[in-house]
Amino acid sequence: MQLTEHEWSRVIEMAWEDRTPFEAIDSQFGLSEAQIIALMRRSLKAGSFKLWRARVSGRQTKHLQLRDPNVSRGYCPTQYKQR
């Protein structure tokens, strides 16, 4: 799948967010978790990728199957500023 520069940037942003599950990125952009990891590996510096990978590995909020069913939103309402 070819992503525009804006979509590429948005996928990276969503991957960094703690509460955005990989499944949300998959449904919006059609990228599997493995494809997201590959994209992050290509896009980030080696040290940044290692930090990101350690942070999301096994994280409950990044995987819908591990997530508490009471959490139905991907982010805090105050997380984004008005653009």
N, C-alpha and C. Protein backbone atom coordinates (compact mmCIF):
# COMPACT_ATOMS: atom_id res chain seq x y z
N MET A 1 0.84 -1.19 0.00
CA MET A 1 0.00 0.00 0.00
C MET A 1 0.89 1.25 0.00
N GLN A 2 0.58 2.18 -0.86
CA GLN A 2 1.30 3.44 -0.94
C GLN A 2 0.62 4.46 -0.03
N LEU A 3 1.39 5.07 0.85
CA LEU A 3 0.86 6.09 1.74
C LEU A 3 1.39 7.45 1.30
N THR A 4 0.54 8.47 1.45
CA THR A 4 1.00 9.82 1.20
C THR A 4 1.91 10.23 2.36
N GLU A 5 2.61 11.32 2.20
CA GLU A 5 3.49 11.81 3.26
C GLU A 5 2.69 12.11 4.53
N HIS A 6 1.50 12.69 4.36
CA HIS A 6 0.64 13.00 5.51
C HIS A 6 0.20 11.71 6.21
N GLU A 7 -0.22 10.70 5.44
CA GLU A 7 -0.64 9.42 6.02
C GLU A 7 0.52 8.73 6.73
N TRP A 8 1.70 8.76 6.11
CA TRP A 8 2.90 8.17 6.68
C TRP A 8 3.16 8.80 8.06
N SER A 9 3.10 10.12 8.12
CA SER A 9 3.31 10.86 9.35
C SER A 9 2.25 10.49 10.40
N ARG A 10 1.01 10.36 9.96
CA ARG A 10 -0.08 10.03 10.89
C ARG A 10 0.09 8.62 11.45
N VAL A 11 0.51 7.67 10.64
CA VAL A 11 0.74 6.30 11.12
C VAL A 11 1.82 6.32 12.20
N ILE A 12 2.90 7.05 11.96
CA ILE A 12 3.98 7.13 12.95
C ILE A 12 3.46 7.76 14.24
N GLU A 13 2.68 8.82 14.11
CA GLU A 13 2.11 9.48 15.28
C GLU A 13 1.21 8.52 16.06
N MET A 14 0.36 7.79 15.35
CA MET A 14 -0.54 6.84 16.02
C MET A 14 0.24 5.70 16.67
N ALA A 15 1.31 5.26 16.03
CA ALA A 15 2.12 4.18 16.60
C ALA A 15 2.80 4.63 17.89
N TRP A 16 3.18 5.90 17.98
CA TRP A 16 3.81 6.42 19.19
C TRP A 16 2.82 6.57 20.33
N GLU A 17 1.54 6.81 20.01
CA GLU A 17 0.54 7.03 21.05
C GLU A 17 0.32 5.75 21.85
N ASP A 18 0.32 5.90 23.16
CA ASP A 18 0.16 4.73 24.02
C ASP A 18 -1.22 4.09 23.92
N ARG A 19 -2.25 4.87 23.73
CA ARG A 19 -3.61 4.33 23.77
C ARG A 19 -4.20 3.98 22.40
N THR A 20 -3.44 4.15 21.35
CA THR A 20 -3.93 3.80 20.02
C THR A 20 -3.48 2.39 19.68
N PRO A 21 -4.43 1.44 19.61
CA PRO A 21 -4.04 0.06 19.33
C PRO A 21 -3.62 -0.13 17.87
N PHE A 22 -2.80 -1.15 17.65
CA PHE A 22 -2.37 -1.47 16.29
C PHE A 22 -3.57 -1.76 15.39
N GLU A 23 -4.62 -2.32 15.96
CA GLU A 23 -5.81 -2.65 15.18
C GLU A 23 -6.48 -1.40 14.62
N ALA A 24 -6.40 -0.27 15.34
CA ALA A 24 -6.97 0.99 14.84
C ALA A 24 -6.20 1.48 13.62
N ILE A 25 -4.88 1.32 13.66
CA ILE A 25 -4.06 1.71 12.51
C ILE A 25 -4.36 0.80 11.33
N ASP A 26 -4.53 -0.48 11.62
CA ASP A 26 -4.86 -1.45 10.57
C ASP A 26 -6.20 -1.11 9.91
N SER A 27 -7.21 -0.80 10.71
CA SER A 27 -8.52 -0.51 10.13
C SER A 27 -8.52 0.79 9.33
N GLN A 28 -7.72 1.76 9.75
CA GLN A 28 -7.69 3.05 9.07
C GLN A 28 -6.78 3.07 7.85
N PHE A 29 -5.63 2.39 7.94
CA PHE A 29 -4.63 2.46 6.87
C PHE A 29 -4.34 1.13 6.21
N GLY A 30 -4.88 0.03 6.75
CA GLY A 30 -4.66 -1.28 6.15
C GLY A 30 -3.26 -1.84 6.37
N LEU A 31 -2.61 -1.43 7.46
CA LEU A 31 -1.26 -1.91 7.77
C LEU A 31 -1.31 -2.86 8.96
N SER A 32 -0.71 -4.02 8.81
CA SER A 32 -0.64 -4.98 9.91
C SER A 32 0.38 -4.51 10.94
N GLU A 33 0.40 -5.15 12.09
CA GLU A 33 1.38 -4.80 13.13
C GLU A 33 2.80 -4.97 12.60
N ALA A 34 3.05 -6.04 11.86
CA ALA A 34 4.39 -6.27 11.29
C ALA A 34 4.77 -5.16 10.31
N GLN A 35 3.81 -4.70 9.51
CA GLN A 35 4.09 -3.61 8.56
C GLN A 35 4.37 -2.30 9.30
N ILE A 36 3.65 -2.08 10.40
CA ILE A 36 3.87 -0.87 11.20
C ILE A 36 5.27 -0.90 11.81
N ILE A 37 5.66 -2.06 12.32
CA ILE A 37 7.00 -2.20 12.90
C ILE A 37 8.06 -1.94 11.84
N ALA A 38 7.87 -2.48 10.65
CA ALA A 38 8.83 -2.26 9.55
C ALA A 38 8.88 -0.78 9.17
N LEU A 39 7.72 -0.12 9.12
CA LEU A 39 7.67 1.30 8.80
C LEU A 39 8.41 2.11 9.86
N MET A 40 8.19 1.77 11.12
CA MET A 40 8.86 2.48 12.22
C MET A 40 10.36 2.25 12.16
N ARG A 41 10.78 1.04 11.83
CA ARG A 41 12.21 0.72 11.74
C ARG A 41 12.88 1.58 10.66
N ARG A 42 12.18 1.76 9.51
CA ARG A 42 12.72 2.56 8.42
C ARG A 42 12.70 4.06 8.72
N SER A 43 11.71 4.50 9.50
CA SER A 43 11.48 5.93 9.70
C SER A 43 12.24 6.53 10.87
N LEU A 44 12.53 5.73 11.87
CA LEU A 44 13.16 6.25 13.09
C LEU A 44 14.65 5.95 13.12
N LYS A 45 15.36 6.73 13.89
CA LYS A 45 16.76 6.41 14.16
C LYS A 45 16.79 5.12 14.96
N ALA A 46 17.90 4.41 14.92
CA ALA A 46 18.01 3.10 15.58
C ALA A 46 17.67 3.19 17.07
N GLY A 47 18.19 4.18 17.76
CA GLY A 47 17.92 4.33 19.19
C GLY A 47 16.46 4.61 19.48
N SER A 48 15.85 5.47 18.65
CA SER A 48 14.43 5.79 18.82
C SER A 48 13.57 4.57 18.56
N PHE A 49 13.93 3.79 17.55
CA PHE A 49 13.17 2.58 17.25
C PHE A 49 13.25 1.60 18.42
N LYS A 50 14.43 1.42 19.00
CA LYS A 50 14.58 0.50 20.13
C LYS A 50 13.74 0.96 21.32
N LEU A 51 13.73 2.26 21.59
CA LEU A 51 12.91 2.79 22.68
C LEU A 51 11.43 2.55 22.41
N TRP A 52 10.99 2.83 21.19
CA TRP A 52 9.59 2.64 20.83
C TRP A 52 9.20 1.17 20.93
N ARG A 53 10.06 0.30 20.41
CA ARG A 53 9.78 -1.14 20.39
C ARG A 53 9.68 -1.68 21.81
N ALA A 54 10.58 -1.26 22.70
CA ALA A 54 10.53 -1.70 24.09
C ALA A 54 9.26 -1.19 24.77
N ARG A 55 8.83 0.00 24.38
CA ARG A 55 7.66 0.61 25.00
C ARG A 55 6.36 -0.07 24.59
N VAL A 56 6.24 -0.48 23.35
CA VAL A 56 4.96 -1.04 22.88
C VAL A 56 4.89 -2.56 22.98
N SER A 57 6.00 -3.23 23.19
CA SER A 57 5.98 -4.70 23.25
C SER A 57 5.16 -5.17 24.45
N GLY A 58 4.07 -5.86 24.16
CA GLY A 58 3.22 -6.40 25.21
C GLY A 58 2.38 -5.38 25.95
N ARG A 59 2.41 -4.14 25.52
CA ARG A 59 1.64 -3.09 26.19
C ARG A 59 0.14 -3.34 25.99
N GLN A 60 -0.60 -3.34 27.07
CA GLN A 60 -2.03 -3.66 27.00
C GLN A 60 -2.80 -2.71 26.11
N THR A 61 -2.47 -1.44 26.14
CA THR A 61 -3.25 -0.47 25.38
C THR A 61 -2.95 -0.51 23.89
N LYS A 62 -1.87 -1.16 23.46
CA LYS A 62 -1.54 -1.23 22.04
C LYS A 62 -2.13 -2.45 21.36
N HIS A 63 -2.74 -3.35 22.11
CA HIS A 63 -3.32 -4.57 21.56
C HIS A 63 -4.73 -4.73 22.09
N LEU A 64 -5.72 -4.75 21.21
CA LEU A 64 -7.11 -4.81 21.64
C LEU A 64 -7.41 -6.05 22.48
N GLN A 65 -6.76 -7.18 22.18
CA GLN A 65 -7.02 -8.40 22.93
C GLN A 65 -6.57 -8.27 24.39
N LEU A 66 -5.57 -7.45 24.65
CA LEU A 66 -5.06 -7.27 26.01
C LEU A 66 -5.72 -6.11 26.73
N ARG A 67 -6.42 -5.27 26.00
CA ARG A 67 -6.99 -4.04 26.53
C ARG A 67 -8.22 -4.31 27.39
N ASP A 68 -8.37 -3.50 28.43
CA ASP A 68 -9.55 -3.56 29.28
C ASP A 68 -10.76 -3.19 28.43
N PRO A 69 -11.81 -4.00 28.44
CA PRO A 69 -12.97 -3.70 27.58
C PRO A 69 -13.68 -2.40 27.93
N ASN A 70 -13.43 -1.83 29.10
CA ASN A 70 -14.04 -0.57 29.50
C ASN A 70 -13.40 0.63 28.81
N VAL A 71 -12.23 0.44 28.19
CA VAL A 71 -11.56 1.53 27.48
C VAL A 71 -12.04 1.50 26.03
N SER A 72 -12.83 2.49 25.67
CA SER A 72 -13.41 2.50 24.32
C SER A 72 -12.87 3.63 23.45
N ARG A 73 -11.96 4.44 23.97
CA ARG A 73 -11.42 5.54 23.20
C ARG A 73 -9.94 5.34 22.97
N GLY A 74 -9.41 5.98 21.94
CA GLY A 74 -8.01 5.82 21.60
C GLY A 74 -7.11 6.85 22.24
N TYR A 75 -7.67 7.95 22.75
CA TYR A 75 -6.83 8.99 23.31
C TYR A 75 -7.63 9.83 24.29
N CYS A 76 -6.94 10.58 25.10
CA CYS A 76 -7.55 11.49 26.06
C CYS A 76 -8.17 12.66 25.30
N PRO A 77 -9.37 13.11 25.67
CA PRO A 77 -10.01 14.22 24.95
C PRO A 77 -9.18 15.50 24.92
N THR A 78 -8.30 15.70 25.88
CA THR A 78 -7.50 16.92 25.92
C THR A 78 -6.12 16.73 25.29
N GLN A 79 -5.89 15.57 24.68
CA GLN A 79 -4.58 15.26 24.12
C GLN A 79 -4.22 16.15 22.94
N TYR A 80 -5.16 16.45 22.10
CA TYR A 80 -4.88 17.22 20.88
C TYR A 80 -5.34 18.66 21.04
N LYS A 81 -4.48 19.57 20.62
CA LYS A 81 -4.83 20.99 20.63
C LYS A 81 -5.56 21.31 19.34
N GLN A 82 -6.38 22.33 19.37
CA GLN A 82 -7.09 22.76 18.17
C GLN A 82 -6.10 23.24 17.15
N ARG A 83 -6.28 22.83 15.92
CA ARG A 83 -5.37 23.25 14.84
C ARG A 83 -5.99 24.31 13.99
